[in-house]
Amino acid sequence: MPIKDREDRVGRVKQGRKWIPDQHGAWAMLAVPFLAGTFLAPRPGWAHAVLFAAWLLGYVAVFHAQQWLRLHARGLRSARRHALPAVVFGAAFAVAGLPLAVLHPWLAGAALLAAPFVAVNTYHARRGRERALANGLAAVVPACGMLMVAAGLGGLGPARSWPPAVACLLYFAGTVPYVKTMIRERNSRGYRAGSVAYHALALAAAAALSPWLAIPFTAYLARAAALPGRGLRVPVVGAIELACAAALLATLPAAF
């Protein structure tokens, strides 16, 4: 391959990566509750694939819109690079999501329930406080609520879908303070104590939902107590969290 062609190809790859958020923890939070709800539903079908695509497209569109808002509020020209992805992904979300909303009008109501949490995230993005604890917790709620949406689309009612949704909420809410103890708040004893205390309470709450959940949540508590302060690199921290999320996804069908 000629050098110029190779350089052009590398440039296109790098540009494409700018369109896809590199928030690895967010992708797990988006996927695990949705997939769990799909697996638990008695009638999974093609609509789940379309809804999953709309869900991911909507996330990427909102991500770029919030990044544009954050940078534009500071008068930075770099905000422009987020405008086109926000429009493109927003249009793709509409193409995927609107037909589903017509077939299943209750999905529009579910989207409205998520709106206040998106508003909180947008507020923090505009203020440049995306790493705030409240912002992270606000993002967790609608992501875990998607378990009930996916389950409902497959015929599983709220009476049976809320316990696994709460289990997801207990885990992903705990990742917010835990990851801070591993990276940005690695030297904070207060954050570390708070994270361990939360995980102990989450273990008790999860075990009350199902004894099966005591297995992964005991591991979550152990990692919250043992790993901070050990100097693990960010990729290692991320890999451990992916394994923890996978363990939750594997346990939920047995628990519920």
Protein backbone atom coordinates (compact mmCIF):
# COMPACT_ATOMS: atom_id res chain seq x y z
CA MET A 1 0.00 0.00 0.00
CA PRO A 2 1.47 3.43 -0.94
CA ILE A 3 2.49 5.61 2.00
CA LYS A 4 -0.06 8.32 1.18
CA ASP A 5 -2.91 5.79 0.99
CA ARG A 6 -1.83 4.27 4.27
CA GLU A 7 -1.69 7.70 5.94
CA ASP A 8 -5.16 8.54 4.61
CA ARG A 9 -6.51 5.28 5.97
CA VAL A 10 -4.97 5.90 9.40
CA GLY A 11 -6.45 9.39 9.37
CA ARG A 12 -9.93 8.05 8.64
CA VAL A 13 -9.62 5.50 11.43
CA LYS A 14 -8.57 8.19 13.92
CA GLN A 15 -11.43 10.42 12.80
CA GLY A 16 -13.88 7.52 13.23
CA ARG A 17 -12.61 6.93 16.74
CA LYS A 18 -13.41 10.55 17.60
CA TRP A 19 -17.03 9.78 16.78
CA ILE A 20 -17.18 6.80 19.15
CA PRO A 21 -16.90 7.71 22.86
CA ASP A 22 -14.00 5.96 24.60
CA GLN A 23 -15.95 5.63 27.84
CA HIS A 24 -15.39 1.89 28.33
CA GLY A 25 -17.23 1.70 31.63
CA ALA A 26 -20.23 3.40 30.07
CA TRP A 27 -20.49 0.74 27.36
CA ALA A 28 -20.71 -2.00 29.98
CA MET A 29 -23.34 -0.02 31.88
CA LEU A 30 -25.34 0.43 28.67
CA ALA A 31 -25.12 -3.21 27.62
CA VAL A 32 -25.41 -5.37 30.76
CA PRO A 33 -28.83 -4.25 32.06
CA PHE A 34 -30.32 -4.27 28.57
CA LEU A 35 -28.99 -7.74 27.78
CA ALA A 36 -30.12 -9.03 31.17
CA GLY A 37 -33.64 -7.77 30.54
CA THR A 38 -33.62 -9.40 27.11
CA PHE A 39 -32.41 -12.74 28.49
CA LEU A 40 -34.99 -12.69 31.29
CA ALA A 41 -37.88 -11.85 28.98
CA PRO A 42 -40.05 -14.83 27.92
CA ARG A 43 -40.37 -13.53 24.34
CA PRO A 44 -37.17 -11.88 23.10
CA GLY A 45 -37.34 -10.91 19.44
CA TRP A 46 -36.19 -8.65 16.63
CA ALA A 47 -37.54 -5.57 18.41
CA HIS A 48 -34.87 -6.00 21.06
CA ALA A 49 -32.13 -5.69 18.44
CA VAL A 50 -33.69 -2.50 17.08
CA LEU A 51 -34.19 -1.07 20.56
CA PHE A 52 -30.61 -1.90 21.53
CA ALA A 53 -29.34 -0.10 18.43
CA ALA A 54 -31.54 2.92 19.22
CA TRP A 55 -30.32 2.88 22.84
CA LEU A 56 -26.65 2.96 21.83
CA LEU A 57 -27.20 5.53 19.09
CA GLY A 58 -29.09 7.74 21.52
CA TYR A 59 -26.25 7.53 24.02
CA VAL A 60 -23.65 8.55 21.46
CA ALA A 61 -25.82 11.42 20.20
CA VAL A 62 -26.33 12.74 23.74
CA PHE A 63 -22.62 12.34 24.50
CA HIS A 64 -21.61 14.52 21.56
CA ALA A 65 -24.35 17.06 22.26
CA GLN A 66 -23.17 17.40 25.85
CA GLN A 67 -19.54 17.69 24.76
CA TRP A 68 -20.52 20.41 22.30
CA LEU A 69 -22.37 22.24 25.08
CA ARG A 70 -19.43 21.93 27.48
CA LEU A 71 -16.88 23.30 25.02
CA HIS A 72 -19.19 25.89 23.48
CA ALA A 73 -19.96 27.31 26.93
CA ARG A 74 -16.24 28.06 27.23
CA GLY A 75 -16.02 29.66 23.81
CA LEU A 76 -13.78 26.91 22.44
CA ARG A 77 -13.77 26.26 18.70
CA SER A 78 -13.12 22.58 19.36
CA ALA A 79 -16.83 22.30 20.13
CA ARG A 80 -17.44 22.15 16.39
CA ARG A 81 -16.06 18.65 16.08
CA HIS A 82 -18.97 17.33 18.16
CA ALA A 83 -21.73 19.04 16.18
CA LEU A 84 -21.84 16.72 13.17
CA PRO A 85 -21.65 13.46 15.19
CA ALA A 86 -24.47 14.72 17.43
CA VAL A 87 -26.68 15.41 14.41
CA VAL A 88 -25.80 12.17 12.58
CA PHE A 89 -26.26 9.90 15.59
CA GLY A 90 -29.37 11.81 16.64
CA ALA A 91 -30.91 11.23 13.20
CA ALA A 92 -29.94 7.55 13.30
CA PHE A 93 -31.53 7.26 16.75
CA ALA A 94 -34.76 8.73 15.37
CA VAL A 95 -34.77 6.34 12.41
CA ALA A 96 -34.34 3.34 14.71
CA GLY A 97 -36.45 4.51 17.63
CA LEU A 98 -39.51 6.21 16.15
CA PRO A 99 -40.97 3.09 14.46
CA LEU A 100 -40.63 1.21 17.74
CA ALA A 101 -42.35 4.03 19.61
CA VAL A 102 -45.23 3.85 17.13
CA LEU A 103 -45.56 0.10 17.62
CA HIS A 104 -45.06 0.33 21.40
CA PRO A 105 -46.20 3.78 22.61
CA TRP A 106 -45.23 3.04 26.21
CA LEU A 107 -41.57 3.32 25.14
CA ALA A 108 -42.08 7.08 24.79
CA GLY A 109 -43.21 7.17 28.42
CA ALA A 110 -40.10 5.27 29.46
CA ALA A 111 -37.96 7.81 27.60
CA LEU A 112 -39.68 10.64 29.46
CA LEU A 113 -38.83 9.00 32.78
CA ALA A 114 -35.15 9.08 31.79
CA ALA A 115 -35.27 12.76 30.83
CA PRO A 116 -34.64 14.21 34.34
CA PHE A 117 -31.47 12.14 34.70
CA VAL A 118 -30.26 13.21 31.25
CA ALA A 119 -30.94 16.78 32.33
CA VAL A 120 -28.71 16.32 35.38
CA ASN A 121 -25.92 14.95 33.17
CA THR A 122 -26.37 17.86 30.75
CA TYR A 123 -26.16 20.37 33.59
CA HIS A 124 -22.92 18.87 34.85
CA ALA A 125 -21.51 18.72 31.31
CA ARG A 126 -22.19 22.41 30.78
CA ARG A 127 -20.49 23.20 34.08
CA GLY A 128 -17.52 20.98 33.21
CA ARG A 129 -18.23 18.74 36.19
CA GLU A 130 -18.75 15.44 34.42
CA ARG A 131 -16.62 13.63 37.01
CA ALA A 132 -18.88 14.70 39.87
CA LEU A 133 -20.24 11.86 42.00
CA ALA A 134 -23.84 13.02 41.51
CA ASN A 135 -23.36 13.08 37.74
CA GLY A 136 -22.13 9.50 37.67
CA LEU A 137 -24.97 8.27 39.87
CA ALA A 138 -27.53 10.09 37.71
CA ALA A 139 -26.21 8.27 34.62
CA VAL A 140 -26.57 4.88 36.31
CA VAL A 141 -30.31 5.12 36.95
CA PRO A 142 -31.69 5.21 33.38
CA ALA A 143 -29.08 2.69 32.22
CA CYS A 144 -30.27 0.17 34.80
CA GLY A 145 -33.87 1.08 34.11
CA MET A 146 -33.35 -0.22 30.59
CA LEU A 147 -33.49 -3.73 32.07
CA MET A 148 -37.18 -3.18 32.80
CA VAL A 149 -37.72 -1.67 29.36
CA ALA A 150 -36.07 -4.62 27.57
CA ALA A 151 -37.89 -7.09 29.79
CA GLY A 152 -41.22 -5.36 29.19
CA LEU A 153 -40.69 -5.44 25.44
CA GLY A 154 -40.35 -9.20 25.76
CA GLY A 155 -43.42 -9.70 27.92
CA LEU A 156 -41.97 -9.61 31.44
CA GLY A 157 -43.93 -7.29 33.71
CA PRO A 158 -42.55 -4.76 36.22
CA ALA A 159 -43.39 -6.99 39.20
CA ARG A 160 -40.73 -9.45 38.02
CA SER A 161 -38.27 -7.10 36.33
CA TRP A 162 -37.66 -4.58 39.10
CA PRO A 163 -35.56 -6.89 41.35
CA PRO A 164 -32.89 -7.58 38.68
CA ALA A 165 -32.97 -3.89 37.75
CA VAL A 166 -32.25 -3.01 41.38
CA ALA A 167 -29.42 -5.56 41.40
CA CYS A 168 -27.88 -3.80 38.41
CA LEU A 169 -28.35 -0.45 40.12
CA LEU A 170 -26.61 -1.70 43.26
CA TYR A 171 -23.60 -2.84 41.26
CA PHE A 172 -23.21 0.06 38.82
CA ALA A 173 -23.85 2.71 41.48
CA GLY A 174 -20.99 1.15 43.43
CA THR A 175 -18.61 1.44 40.49
CA VAL A 176 -18.87 5.25 40.65
CA PRO A 177 -17.14 5.73 44.04
CA TYR A 178 -15.00 2.61 43.62
CA VAL A 179 -13.40 3.76 40.35
CA LYS A 180 -12.71 7.13 41.94
CA THR A 181 -10.77 5.39 44.73
CA MET A 182 -8.66 3.74 42.03
CA ILE A 183 -7.95 6.85 39.94
CA ARG A 184 -8.95 10.42 40.81
CA GLU A 185 -9.47 9.92 44.55
CA ARG A 186 -6.81 7.28 45.07
CA ASN A 187 -5.38 9.15 48.05
CA SER A 188 -8.71 9.89 49.74
CA ARG A 189 -9.35 7.82 52.84
CA GLY A 190 -12.87 9.21 53.01
CA TYR A 191 -13.74 7.98 49.53
CA ARG A 192 -12.24 4.59 50.27
CA ALA A 193 -14.19 4.19 53.52
CA GLY A 194 -17.37 5.35 51.82
CA SER A 195 -16.89 2.94 48.95
CA VAL A 196 -16.34 -0.03 51.28
CA ALA A 197 -19.35 0.93 53.42
CA TYR A 198 -21.54 1.21 50.33
CA HIS A 199 -20.44 -2.19 49.02
CA ALA A 200 -21.15 -3.82 52.38
CA LEU A 201 -24.69 -2.42 52.32
CA ALA A 202 -25.08 -3.39 48.66
CA LEU A 203 -24.07 -6.97 49.49
CA ALA A 204 -26.78 -7.18 52.15
CA ALA A 205 -29.40 -5.66 49.84
CA ALA A 206 -28.46 -7.89 46.90
CA ALA A 207 -28.50 -11.04 49.03
CA ALA A 208 -32.00 -10.07 50.20
CA LEU A 209 -33.08 -9.95 46.55
CA SER A 210 -31.57 -13.38 45.83
CA PRO A 211 -28.99 -15.58 47.59
CA TRP A 212 -27.31 -16.08 44.20
CA LEU A 213 -26.34 -12.42 44.16
CA ALA A 214 -24.29 -12.83 47.32
CA ILE A 215 -21.61 -14.52 45.18
CA PRO A 216 -20.70 -11.61 42.86
CA PHE A 217 -21.45 -8.92 45.43
CA THR A 218 -19.04 -10.52 47.90
CA ALA A 219 -16.39 -10.25 45.20
CA TYR A 220 -17.35 -6.61 44.60
CA LEU A 221 -16.92 -5.84 48.28
CA ALA A 222 -13.56 -7.63 48.36
CA ARG A 223 -12.22 -5.66 45.40
CA ALA A 224 -13.47 -2.37 46.88
CA ALA A 225 -11.60 -3.14 50.13
CA ALA A 226 -8.43 -4.71 48.74
CA LEU A 227 -7.53 -3.01 45.45
CA PRO A 228 -7.38 0.75 46.20
CA GLY A 229 -3.84 1.88 46.94
CA ARG A 230 -2.19 -0.91 44.99
CA GLY A 231 -1.26 1.28 42.04
CA LEU A 232 -3.11 -0.68 39.38
CA ARG A 233 -2.97 0.84 35.91
CA VAL A 234 -6.18 2.19 34.39
CA PRO A 235 -6.48 -0.60 31.77
CA VAL A 236 -6.24 -3.19 34.55
CA VAL A 237 -8.92 -1.40 36.56
CA GLY A 238 -11.13 -1.37 33.47
CA ALA A 239 -10.55 -5.05 32.75
CA ILE A 240 -11.51 -5.98 36.32
CA GLU A 241 -14.73 -3.99 36.02
CA LEU A 242 -15.60 -5.68 32.73
CA ALA A 243 -15.16 -9.04 34.45
CA CYS A 244 -17.35 -7.88 37.36
CA ALA A 245 -20.07 -6.71 34.97
CA ALA A 246 -19.90 -10.02 33.08
CA ALA A 247 -20.25 -11.90 36.38
CA LEU A 248 -23.40 -9.95 37.17
CA LEU A 249 -24.86 -10.66 33.74
CA ALA A 250 -24.13 -14.38 34.17
CA THR A 251 -25.68 -14.49 37.65
CA LEU A 252 -28.95 -12.63 36.99
CA PRO A 253 -30.67 -15.46 35.03
CA ALA A 254 -29.95 -17.88 37.88
CA ALA A 255 -31.06 -15.37 40.50
CA PHE A 256 -34.32 -14.45 38.79
